Amino acid sequence: MAKNLKKQAEEILRIAEESGAQSNYFFVTTFKRYQVQLQILEDLEKSLNEHGMTVTKEYVKGRGNLYSNPAISDYNRTTDSANKTVATLMRILKQYGVEEGSETDDSLLSLINGDSE
């Protein structure tokens, strides 16, 4: 999965370069944050797969209570943040002429959605 994400990131940067957005400070920093968010999500997915959706907390007398894995909340919050970050990236690119419905926009949305070309 990491190779696929790297390839997608390179293609997004190519599209940004074509539009001139790659030199925009806000695009660069927002895109970097998006990549970090994707890595966090990947790590949280691994943790959920390894530990499951529930965890047991043991208390003083050794009794265990079953709870939802806290990674679920972290995953959901990070997903929401990543979605907002994508919206910000799209707004920045739109300022550089990547219009909704254009071939470039379609390519970018496909990459962001994880569709392979």
C-alpha atoms as a PDB file:
ATOM      1  CA  MET A   1       0.000   0.000   0.000  1.00  0.00           C
ATOM      2  CA  ALA A   2       2.823   2.429   0.796  1.00  0.00           C
ATOM      3  CA  LYS A   3       4.239   2.194  -2.742  1.00  0.00           C
ATOM      4  CA  ASN A   4       0.804   2.932  -4.189  1.00  0.00           C
ATOM      5  CA  LEU A   5       0.424   5.998  -1.924  1.00  0.00           C
ATOM      6  CA  LYS A   6       3.866   7.234  -2.941  1.00  0.00           C
ATOM      7  CA  LYS A   7       2.990   6.838  -6.614  1.00  0.00           C
ATOM      8  CA  GLN A   8      -0.285   8.693  -6.082  1.00  0.00           C
ATOM      9  CA  ALA A   9       1.519  11.477  -4.212  1.00  0.00           C
ATOM     10  CA  GLU A  10       3.980  11.850  -7.092  1.00  0.00           C
ATOM     11  CA  GLU A  11       1.108  12.112  -9.572  1.00  0.00           C
ATOM     12  CA  ILE A  12      -0.697  14.712  -7.434  1.00  0.00           C
ATOM     13  CA  LEU A  13       2.529  16.716  -7.311  1.00  0.00           C
ATOM     14  CA  ARG A  14       2.832  16.432 -11.099  1.00  0.00           C
ATOM     15  CA  ILE A  15      -0.680  17.818 -11.508  1.00  0.00           C
ATOM     16  CA  ALA A  16       0.125  20.584  -9.028  1.00  0.00           C
ATOM     17  CA  GLU A  17       3.288  21.414 -10.943  1.00  0.00           C
ATOM     18  CA  GLU A  18       1.379  21.619 -14.228  1.00  0.00           C
ATOM     19  CA  SER A  19      -1.026  24.096 -12.676  1.00  0.00           C
ATOM     20  CA  GLY A  20       1.710  26.060 -10.875  1.00  0.00           C
ATOM     21  CA  ALA A  21       0.406  25.187  -7.411  1.00  0.00           C
ATOM     22  CA  GLN A  22       3.479  23.186  -6.405  1.00  0.00           C
ATOM     23  CA  SER A  23       5.318  26.406  -5.527  1.00  0.00           C
ATOM     24  CA  ASN A  24       2.441  27.623  -3.318  1.00  0.00           C
ATOM     25  CA  TYR A  25       3.472  27.436   0.348  1.00  0.00           C
ATOM     26  CA  PHE A  26      -0.046  26.542   1.486  1.00  0.00           C
ATOM     27  CA  PHE A  27      -0.347  23.761  -1.074  1.00  0.00           C
ATOM     28  CA  VAL A  28       3.032  22.291  -0.088  1.00  0.00           C
ATOM     29  CA  THR A  29       2.386  22.390   3.667  1.00  0.00           C
ATOM     30  CA  THR A  30      -1.193  21.142   3.328  1.00  0.00           C
ATOM     31  CA  PHE A  31      -0.116  18.319   1.030  1.00  0.00           C
ATOM     32  CA  LYS A  32       2.606  17.324   3.495  1.00  0.00           C
ATOM     33  CA  ARG A  33       0.016  17.233   6.294  1.00  0.00           C
ATOM     34  CA  TYR A  34      -2.228  15.086   4.120  1.00  0.00           C
ATOM     35  CA  GLN A  35       0.588  12.598   3.581  1.00  0.00           C
ATOM     36  CA  VAL A  36       1.202  12.433   7.352  1.00  0.00           C
ATOM     37  CA  GLN A  37      -2.522  11.892   7.946  1.00  0.00           C
ATOM     38  CA  LEU A  38      -2.524   9.011   5.467  1.00  0.00           C
ATOM     39  CA  GLN A  39       0.428   7.428   7.277  1.00  0.00           C
ATOM     40  CA  ILE A  40      -1.336   7.815  10.621  1.00  0.00           C
ATOM     41  CA  LEU A  41      -4.442   6.158   9.168  1.00  0.00           C
ATOM     42  CA  GLU A  42      -2.366   3.295   7.816  1.00  0.00           C
ATOM     43  CA  ASP A  43      -0.732   2.788  11.233  1.00  0.00           C
ATOM     44  CA  LEU A  44      -4.095   2.929  13.010  1.00  0.00           C
ATOM     45  CA  GLU A  45      -5.516   0.361  10.585  1.00  0.00           C
ATOM     46  CA  LYS A  46      -2.616  -1.965  11.383  1.00  0.00           C
ATOM     47  CA  SER A  47      -3.221  -1.471  15.104  1.00  0.00           C
ATOM     48  CA  LEU A  48      -6.937  -2.198  14.755  1.00  0.00           C
ATOM     49  CA  ASN A  49      -6.200  -5.306  12.706  1.00  0.00           C
ATOM     50  CA  GLU A  50      -3.683  -6.489  15.289  1.00  0.00           C
ATOM     51  CA  HIS A  51      -5.616  -5.676  18.472  1.00  0.00           C
ATOM     52  CA  GLY A  52      -9.211  -5.837  17.304  1.00  0.00           C
ATOM     53  CA  MET A  53     -12.134  -3.495  17.781  1.00  0.00           C
ATOM     54  CA  THR A  54     -12.401  -4.051  21.541  1.00  0.00           C
ATOM     55  CA  VAL A  55      -9.922  -3.929  24.399  1.00  0.00           C
ATOM     56  CA  THR A  56     -10.124  -5.083  27.995  1.00  0.00           C
ATOM     57  CA  LYS A  57      -9.205  -2.768  30.845  1.00  0.00           C
ATOM     58  CA  GLU A  58      -8.367  -4.461  34.113  1.00  0.00           C
ATOM     59  CA  TYR A  59      -9.055  -2.752  37.385  1.00  0.00           C
ATOM     60  CA  VAL A  60      -7.730  -3.133  40.946  1.00  0.00           C
ATOM     61  CA  LYS A  61      -9.409  -6.415  41.780  1.00  0.00           C
ATOM     62  CA  GLY A  62      -8.428  -7.966  38.447  1.00  0.00           C
ATOM     63  CA  ARG A  63     -11.851  -7.593  36.926  1.00  0.00           C
ATOM     64  CA  GLY A  64     -11.808  -6.741  33.265  1.00  0.00           C
ATOM     65  CA  ASN A  65     -14.232  -4.534  31.431  1.00  0.00           C
ATOM     66  CA  LEU A  66     -14.632  -4.589  27.682  1.00  0.00           C
ATOM     67  CA  TYR A  67     -14.345  -1.268  25.796  1.00  0.00           C
ATOM     68  CA  SER A  68     -14.145  -0.083  22.218  1.00  0.00           C
ATOM     69  CA  ASN A  69     -10.568   0.198  21.044  1.00  0.00           C
ATOM     70  CA  PRO A  70      -9.511   3.877  21.437  1.00  0.00           C
ATOM     71  CA  ALA A  71      -7.848   3.626  18.024  1.00  0.00           C
ATOM     72  CA  ILE A  72     -11.336   3.657  16.477  1.00  0.00           C
ATOM     73  CA  SER A  73     -11.943   7.221  17.674  1.00  0.00           C
ATOM     74  CA  ASP A  74      -8.456   8.269  16.581  1.00  0.00           C
ATOM     75  CA  TYR A  75      -9.047   6.707  13.171  1.00  0.00           C
ATOM     76  CA  ASN A  76     -12.385   8.483  12.751  1.00  0.00           C
ATOM     77  CA  ARG A  77     -10.946  11.867  13.810  1.00  0.00           C
ATOM     78  CA  THR A  78      -7.953  11.473  11.503  1.00  0.00           C
ATOM     79  CA  THR A  79     -10.238  10.475   8.635  1.00  0.00           C
ATOM     80  CA  ASP A  80     -12.347  13.596   9.173  1.00  0.00           C
ATOM     81  CA  SER A  81      -9.210  15.738   9.251  1.00  0.00           C
ATOM     82  CA  ALA A  82      -7.828  14.098   6.112  1.00  0.00           C
ATOM     83  CA  ASN A  83     -11.116  14.736   4.292  1.00  0.00           C
ATOM     84  CA  LYS A  84     -10.955  18.413   5.274  1.00  0.00           C
ATOM     85  CA  THR A  85      -7.340  18.551   4.155  1.00  0.00           C
ATOM     86  CA  VAL A  86      -8.298  17.163   0.740  1.00  0.00           C
ATOM     87  CA  ALA A  87     -11.009  19.824   0.452  1.00  0.00           C
ATOM     88  CA  THR A  88      -8.393  22.477   1.226  1.00  0.00           C
ATOM     89  CA  LEU A  89      -6.023  21.037  -1.375  1.00  0.00           C
ATOM     90  CA  MET A  90      -8.789  21.065  -3.955  1.00  0.00           C
ATOM     91  CA  ARG A  91      -9.600  24.723  -3.154  1.00  0.00           C
ATOM     92  CA  ILE A  92      -5.940  25.669  -3.562  1.00  0.00           C
ATOM     93  CA  LEU A  93      -5.696  23.792  -6.864  1.00  0.00           C
ATOM     94  CA  LYS A  94      -8.894  25.417  -8.061  1.00  0.00           C
ATOM     95  CA  GLN A  95      -7.200  28.798  -7.594  1.00  0.00           C
ATOM     96  CA  TYR A  96      -4.527  27.556  -9.996  1.00  0.00           C
ATOM     97  CA  GLY A  97      -6.999  26.590 -12.683  1.00  0.00           C
ATOM     98  CA  VAL A  98      -7.718  22.966 -11.832  1.00  0.00           C
ATOM     99  CA  GLU A  99     -11.461  23.228 -12.344  1.00  0.00           C
ATOM    100  CA  GLU A 100     -14.088  20.778 -11.204  1.00  0.00           C
ATOM    101  CA  GLY A 101     -15.091  18.490 -14.023  1.00  0.00           C
ATOM    102  CA  SER A 102     -11.873  19.049 -15.982  1.00  0.00           C
ATOM    103  CA  GLU A 103      -9.657  16.175 -17.046  1.00  0.00           C
ATOM    104  CA  THR A 104      -7.037  17.294 -14.510  1.00  0.00           C
ATOM    105  CA  ASP A 105      -9.650  17.456 -11.773  1.00  0.00           C
ATOM    106  CA  ASP A 106     -10.921  13.996 -12.718  1.00  0.00           C
ATOM    107  CA  SER A 107      -7.354  12.636 -12.582  1.00  0.00           C
ATOM    108  CA  LEU A 108      -6.734  14.292  -9.239  1.00  0.00           C
ATOM    109  CA  LEU A 109      -9.972  13.039  -7.718  1.00  0.00           C
ATOM    110  CA  SER A 110      -9.217   9.541  -8.978  1.00  0.00           C
ATOM    111  CA  LEU A 111      -5.798   9.683  -7.306  1.00  0.00           C
ATOM    112  CA  ILE A 112      -7.177  11.046  -4.058  1.00  0.00           C
ATOM    113  CA  ASN A 113      -9.849   8.353  -4.074  1.00  0.00           C
ATOM    114  CA  GLY A 114      -7.153   5.703  -4.572  1.00  0.00           C
ATOM    115  CA  ASP A 115      -8.231   4.695  -8.069  1.00  0.00           C
ATOM    116  CA  SER A 116      -5.350   3.520 -10.209  1.00  0.00           C
ATOM    117  CA  GLU A 117      -4.827   4.919 -13.662  1.00  0.00           C
END
